[in-house]
């Protein structure tokens, strides 16, 4: 059994369907898996209860192979921050555009 951490992102209440909708993110080792999920709960439900229900539903969908829209990506490696001018310079170097003038 793999260990993972969960996170609830982009939590919204859809009044048309009377459901809370969110992305439940599973952080597993070097991968991140995102499962879109919804739960029909009253709008007055507190965040802790909503997040508990959404995570439980996402785990169940994932275990049964029903999370068809699941997104999987490798975890991002911690890197240094790059200033936008440095990024442009790197792009120009890569593309061979060093002689190109920049806009004023």
N, C-alpha and C. Protein backbone atom coordinates (compact mmCIF):
# COMPACT_ATOMS: atom_id res chain seq x y z
N UNK A 1 0.85 -1.17 0.00
CA UNK A 1 0.00 0.00 0.00
C UNK A 1 0.90 1.24 0.00
N UNK A 2 0.66 2.12 -0.95
CA UNK A 2 1.49 3.30 -1.04
C UNK A 2 0.96 4.40 -0.12
N UNK A 3 1.89 5.18 0.41
CA UNK A 3 1.47 6.30 1.25
C UNK A 3 1.40 7.54 0.39
N UNK A 4 0.46 8.40 0.68
CA UNK A 4 0.30 9.63 -0.08
C UNK A 4 -0.35 10.69 0.78
N UNK A 5 -0.25 11.92 0.31
CA UNK A 5 -0.90 13.04 0.95
C UNK A 5 -1.99 13.53 0.00
N UNK A 6 -3.03 14.07 0.56
CA UNK A 6 -4.11 14.59 -0.27
C UNK A 6 -4.27 16.08 -0.06
N UNK A 7 -4.82 16.72 -1.08
CA UNK A 7 -5.04 18.16 -1.06
C UNK A 7 -6.31 18.45 -1.86
N UNK A 8 -7.14 19.35 -1.38
CA UNK A 8 -8.34 19.76 -2.10
C UNK A 8 -8.08 21.13 -2.72
N UNK A 9 -8.19 21.20 -4.05
CA UNK A 9 -7.95 22.45 -4.76
C UNK A 9 -9.21 22.89 -5.51
N UNK A 10 -9.29 24.18 -5.76
CA UNK A 10 -10.36 24.77 -6.58
C UNK A 10 -11.76 24.36 -6.11
N UNK A 11 -11.99 24.46 -4.83
CA UNK A 11 -13.30 24.10 -4.27
C UNK A 11 -14.33 25.15 -4.65
N UNK A 12 -15.40 24.72 -5.28
CA UNK A 12 -16.50 25.60 -5.69
C UNK A 12 -17.82 24.96 -5.35
N UNK A 13 -18.85 25.80 -5.20
CA UNK A 13 -20.20 25.30 -5.03
C UNK A 13 -20.97 25.60 -6.31
N UNK A 14 -21.52 24.58 -6.95
CA UNK A 14 -22.29 24.73 -8.17
C UNK A 14 -23.76 24.77 -7.77
N UNK A 15 -24.36 25.97 -7.81
CA UNK A 15 -25.75 26.13 -7.38
C UNK A 15 -26.71 25.41 -8.32
N UNK A 16 -26.37 25.28 -9.58
CA UNK A 16 -27.25 24.61 -10.54
C UNK A 16 -27.42 23.13 -10.20
N UNK A 17 -26.35 22.49 -9.78
CA UNK A 17 -26.41 21.06 -9.44
C UNK A 17 -26.48 20.81 -7.94
N UNK A 18 -26.34 21.88 -7.15
CA UNK A 18 -26.32 21.80 -5.69
C UNK A 18 -25.22 20.86 -5.18
N UNK A 19 -24.05 20.99 -5.81
CA UNK A 19 -22.91 20.14 -5.46
C UNK A 19 -21.67 20.99 -5.23
N UNK A 20 -20.82 20.50 -4.34
CA UNK A 20 -19.47 21.04 -4.23
C UNK A 20 -18.61 20.32 -5.25
N UNK A 21 -17.76 21.06 -5.93
CA UNK A 21 -16.86 20.49 -6.94
C UNK A 21 -15.43 20.90 -6.61
N UNK A 22 -14.50 20.00 -6.85
CA UNK A 22 -13.10 20.30 -6.54
C UNK A 22 -12.18 19.35 -7.28
N UNK A 23 -10.90 19.66 -7.24
CA UNK A 23 -9.86 18.74 -7.67
C UNK A 23 -9.24 18.17 -6.41
N UNK A 24 -9.23 16.87 -6.28
CA UNK A 24 -8.54 16.24 -5.16
C UNK A 24 -7.19 15.78 -5.70
N UNK A 25 -6.13 16.26 -5.07
CA UNK A 25 -4.77 15.99 -5.53
C UNK A 25 -4.13 14.99 -4.59
N UNK A 26 -3.64 13.89 -5.16
CA UNK A 26 -2.92 12.87 -4.41
C UNK A 26 -1.43 13.04 -4.72
N UNK A 27 -0.64 13.31 -3.70
CA UNK A 27 0.81 13.42 -3.86
C UNK A 27 1.39 12.07 -3.44
N UNK A 28 1.89 11.32 -4.43
CA UNK A 28 2.42 9.97 -4.19
C UNK A 28 3.86 9.90 -4.62
N UNK A 29 4.75 9.86 -3.68
CA UNK A 29 6.17 9.76 -4.03
C UNK A 29 6.58 10.86 -4.97
N UNK A 30 6.89 10.47 -6.21
CA UNK A 30 7.35 11.44 -7.20
C UNK A 30 6.27 11.82 -8.20
N UNK A 31 5.03 11.45 -7.95
CA UNK A 31 3.94 11.75 -8.87
C UNK A 31 2.83 12.51 -8.17
N UNK A 32 2.09 13.25 -8.97
CA UNK A 32 0.91 13.95 -8.51
C UNK A 32 -0.25 13.49 -9.37
N UNK A 33 -1.34 13.07 -8.74
CA UNK A 33 -2.54 12.65 -9.47
C UNK A 33 -3.69 13.54 -9.05
N UNK A 34 -4.38 14.10 -10.04
CA UNK A 34 -5.51 14.99 -9.78
C UNK A 34 -6.80 14.32 -10.24
N UNK A 35 -7.78 14.29 -9.35
CA UNK A 35 -9.07 13.67 -9.66
C UNK A 35 -10.17 14.71 -9.48
N UNK A 36 -10.90 15.07 -10.56
CA UNK A 36 -12.03 15.97 -10.40
C UNK A 36 -13.20 15.21 -9.76
N UNK A 37 -13.83 15.82 -8.79
CA UNK A 37 -14.89 15.12 -8.05
C UNK A 37 -15.95 16.12 -7.59
N UNK A 38 -17.15 15.63 -7.37
CA UNK A 38 -18.22 16.48 -6.84
C UNK A 38 -19.00 15.69 -5.79
N UNK A 39 -19.70 16.44 -4.94
CA UNK A 39 -20.51 15.82 -3.88
C UNK A 39 -21.74 16.68 -3.63
N UNK A 40 -22.93 16.06 -3.66
CA UNK A 40 -24.16 16.82 -3.40
C UNK A 40 -24.33 17.09 -1.90
N UNK A 41 -23.95 18.29 -1.48
CA UNK A 41 -24.04 18.69 -0.08
C UNK A 41 -24.67 20.07 0.01
N UNK A 42 -25.32 20.39 1.12
CA UNK A 42 -25.88 21.73 1.29
C UNK A 42 -24.79 22.80 1.28
N UNK A 43 -25.13 23.98 0.82
CA UNK A 43 -24.16 25.06 0.70
C UNK A 43 -23.61 25.48 2.06
N UNK A 44 -24.33 25.24 3.13
CA UNK A 44 -23.91 25.65 4.47
C UNK A 44 -22.94 24.66 5.13
N UNK A 45 -22.57 23.59 4.44
CA UNK A 45 -21.67 22.59 5.00
C UNK A 45 -20.28 23.21 5.20
N UNK A 46 -19.66 22.93 6.36
CA UNK A 46 -18.34 23.52 6.63
C UNK A 46 -17.26 22.82 5.81
N UNK A 47 -16.14 23.52 5.64
CA UNK A 47 -15.06 23.05 4.77
C UNK A 47 -14.53 21.68 5.17
N UNK A 48 -14.35 21.45 6.46
CA UNK A 48 -13.80 20.17 6.92
C UNK A 48 -14.67 19.00 6.46
N UNK A 49 -15.98 19.14 6.62
CA UNK A 49 -16.89 18.07 6.21
C UNK A 49 -16.88 17.90 4.70
N UNK A 50 -16.88 19.01 3.97
CA UNK A 50 -16.87 18.94 2.50
C UNK A 50 -15.59 18.27 2.02
N UNK A 51 -14.46 18.70 2.55
CA UNK A 51 -13.19 18.13 2.09
C UNK A 51 -13.08 16.64 2.44
N UNK A 52 -13.59 16.25 3.60
CA UNK A 52 -13.57 14.83 3.98
C UNK A 52 -14.39 13.99 3.00
N UNK A 53 -15.57 14.47 2.65
CA UNK A 53 -16.43 13.75 1.71
C UNK A 53 -15.79 13.69 0.32
N UNK A 54 -15.25 14.82 -0.15
CA UNK A 54 -14.63 14.85 -1.48
C UNK A 54 -13.42 13.92 -1.57
N UNK A 55 -12.58 13.92 -0.55
CA UNK A 55 -11.40 13.05 -0.56
C UNK A 55 -11.84 11.58 -0.53
N UNK A 56 -12.82 11.25 0.30
CA UNK A 56 -13.30 9.86 0.37
C UNK A 56 -13.87 9.41 -0.98
N UNK A 57 -14.63 10.29 -1.63
CA UNK A 57 -15.20 9.94 -2.95
C UNK A 57 -14.10 9.78 -4.00
N UNK A 58 -13.10 10.66 -3.97
CA UNK A 58 -11.99 10.57 -4.93
C UNK A 58 -11.21 9.27 -4.73
N UNK A 59 -10.96 8.91 -3.47
CA UNK A 59 -10.26 7.65 -3.18
C UNK A 59 -11.06 6.46 -3.69
N UNK A 60 -12.38 6.48 -3.48
CA UNK A 60 -13.23 5.38 -3.92
C UNK A 60 -13.24 5.28 -5.45
N UNK A 61 -13.38 6.41 -6.13
CA UNK A 61 -13.36 6.41 -7.60
C UNK A 61 -12.03 5.90 -8.12
N UNK A 62 -10.97 6.32 -7.48
CA UNK A 62 -9.64 5.91 -7.91
C UNK A 62 -9.43 4.41 -7.69
N UNK A 63 -9.90 3.90 -6.55
CA UNK A 63 -9.73 2.48 -6.23
C UNK A 63 -10.51 1.60 -7.20
N UNK A 64 -11.68 2.08 -7.65
CA UNK A 64 -12.51 1.30 -8.57
C UNK A 64 -12.15 1.54 -10.03
N UNK A 65 -11.18 2.40 -10.28
CA UNK A 65 -10.79 2.70 -11.65
C UNK A 65 -11.78 3.60 -12.37
N UNK A 66 -12.59 4.34 -11.63
CA UNK A 66 -13.59 5.20 -12.24
C UNK A 66 -13.09 6.62 -12.49
N UNK A 67 -11.93 6.94 -12.01
CA UNK A 67 -11.41 8.30 -12.16
C UNK A 67 -10.86 8.46 -13.57
N UNK A 68 -11.74 8.49 -14.54
CA UNK A 68 -11.35 8.51 -15.95
C UNK A 68 -10.66 9.81 -16.35
N UNK A 69 -10.98 10.91 -15.70
CA UNK A 69 -10.38 12.19 -16.05
C UNK A 69 -9.17 12.51 -15.19
N UNK A 70 -8.60 11.50 -14.57
CA UNK A 70 -7.49 11.72 -13.67
C UNK A 70 -6.28 12.23 -14.43
N UNK A 71 -5.61 13.22 -13.86
CA UNK A 71 -4.40 13.79 -14.45
C UNK A 71 -3.21 13.31 -13.64
N UNK A 72 -2.16 12.90 -14.34
CA UNK A 72 -0.97 12.40 -13.66
C UNK A 72 0.24 13.17 -14.17
N UNK A 73 1.07 13.63 -13.25
CA UNK A 73 2.28 14.34 -13.67
C UNK A 73 3.39 14.08 -12.67
N UNK A 74 4.63 14.10 -13.14
CA UNK A 74 5.74 13.93 -12.21
C UNK A 74 5.82 15.14 -11.29
N UNK A 75 6.28 14.92 -10.08
CA UNK A 75 6.38 16.05 -9.16
C UNK A 75 7.44 17.01 -9.65
N UNK A 76 7.20 18.27 -9.40
CA UNK A 76 8.13 19.28 -9.86
C UNK A 76 9.35 19.32 -8.95
N UNK A 77 10.48 19.41 -9.55
CA UNK A 77 11.70 19.51 -8.76
C UNK A 77 11.88 20.96 -8.33
N UNK A 78 12.33 21.12 -7.13
CA UNK A 78 12.56 22.47 -6.63
C UNK A 78 13.72 23.07 -7.39
N UNK A 79 13.48 24.20 -7.97
CA UNK A 79 14.51 24.88 -8.75
C UNK A 79 14.64 26.31 -8.30
N UNK A 80 15.55 27.00 -8.90
CA UNK A 80 15.72 28.39 -8.53
C UNK A 80 14.78 29.25 -9.35
N UNK A 81 14.43 30.38 -8.78
CA UNK A 81 13.57 31.32 -9.49
C UNK A 81 14.39 32.01 -10.57
N UNK A 82 13.78 32.23 -11.72
CA UNK A 82 14.46 32.89 -12.83
C UNK A 82 13.71 34.17 -13.16
N UNK A 83 14.44 35.25 -13.31
CA UNK A 83 13.85 36.52 -13.69
C UNK A 83 13.38 36.42 -15.14
N UNK A 84 12.33 37.14 -15.49
CA UNK A 84 11.75 37.08 -16.83
C UNK A 84 12.77 37.44 -17.91
N UNK A 85 13.64 38.41 -17.63
CA UNK A 85 14.66 38.79 -18.62
C UNK A 85 15.64 37.64 -18.87
N UNK A 86 15.97 36.89 -17.82
CA UNK A 86 16.84 35.73 -17.99
C UNK A 86 16.14 34.64 -18.81
N UNK A 87 14.84 34.48 -18.59
CA UNK A 87 14.09 33.49 -19.37
C UNK A 87 14.08 33.87 -20.85
N UNK A 88 13.88 35.16 -21.14
CA UNK A 88 13.87 35.62 -22.53
C UNK A 88 15.25 35.42 -23.16
N UNK A 89 16.29 35.73 -22.40
CA UNK A 89 17.65 35.53 -22.91
C UNK A 89 17.91 34.06 -23.23
N UNK A 90 17.47 33.15 -22.34
CA UNK A 90 17.64 31.71 -22.57
C UNK A 90 16.86 31.26 -23.80
N UNK A 91 15.64 31.77 -23.95
CA UNK A 91 14.82 31.42 -25.11
C UNK A 91 15.48 31.89 -26.40
N UNK A 92 15.98 33.12 -26.40
CA UNK A 92 16.66 33.64 -27.59
C UNK A 92 17.89 32.80 -27.92
N UNK A 93 18.66 32.42 -26.89
CA UNK A 93 19.84 31.58 -27.13
C UNK A 93 19.44 30.25 -27.74
N UNK A 94 18.40 29.65 -27.21
CA UNK A 94 17.94 28.35 -27.70
C UNK A 94 17.44 28.44 -29.14
N UNK A 95 16.72 29.50 -29.45
CA UNK A 95 16.11 29.66 -30.77
C UNK A 95 17.06 30.31 -31.78
N UNK A 96 18.26 30.72 -31.35
CA UNK A 96 19.19 31.38 -32.25
C UNK A 96 18.73 32.78 -32.64
N UNK A 97 18.08 33.47 -31.74
CA UNK A 97 17.54 34.80 -32.02
C UNK A 97 18.30 35.90 -31.29
N UNK A 98 19.57 35.71 -31.02
CA UNK A 98 20.34 36.70 -30.26
C UNK A 98 20.44 38.04 -30.97
N UNK A 99 20.41 38.03 -32.32
CA UNK A 99 20.57 39.26 -33.07
C UNK A 99 19.26 40.06 -33.14
N UNK A 100 18.17 39.47 -32.71
CA UNK A 100 16.86 40.13 -32.79
C UNK A 100 16.75 41.24 -31.77
N UNK A 101 16.28 42.40 -32.20
CA UNK A 101 16.10 43.54 -31.30
C UNK A 101 14.87 43.33 -30.44
N UNK A 102 14.92 43.84 -29.22
CA UNK A 102 13.77 43.78 -28.34
C UNK A 102 12.92 45.02 -28.52
N UNK A 103 11.63 44.91 -28.25
CA UNK A 103 10.73 46.05 -28.37
C UNK A 103 10.99 47.03 -27.24
N UNK A 104 10.81 48.30 -27.53
CA UNK A 104 11.04 49.33 -26.51
C UNK A 104 9.88 49.46 -25.59
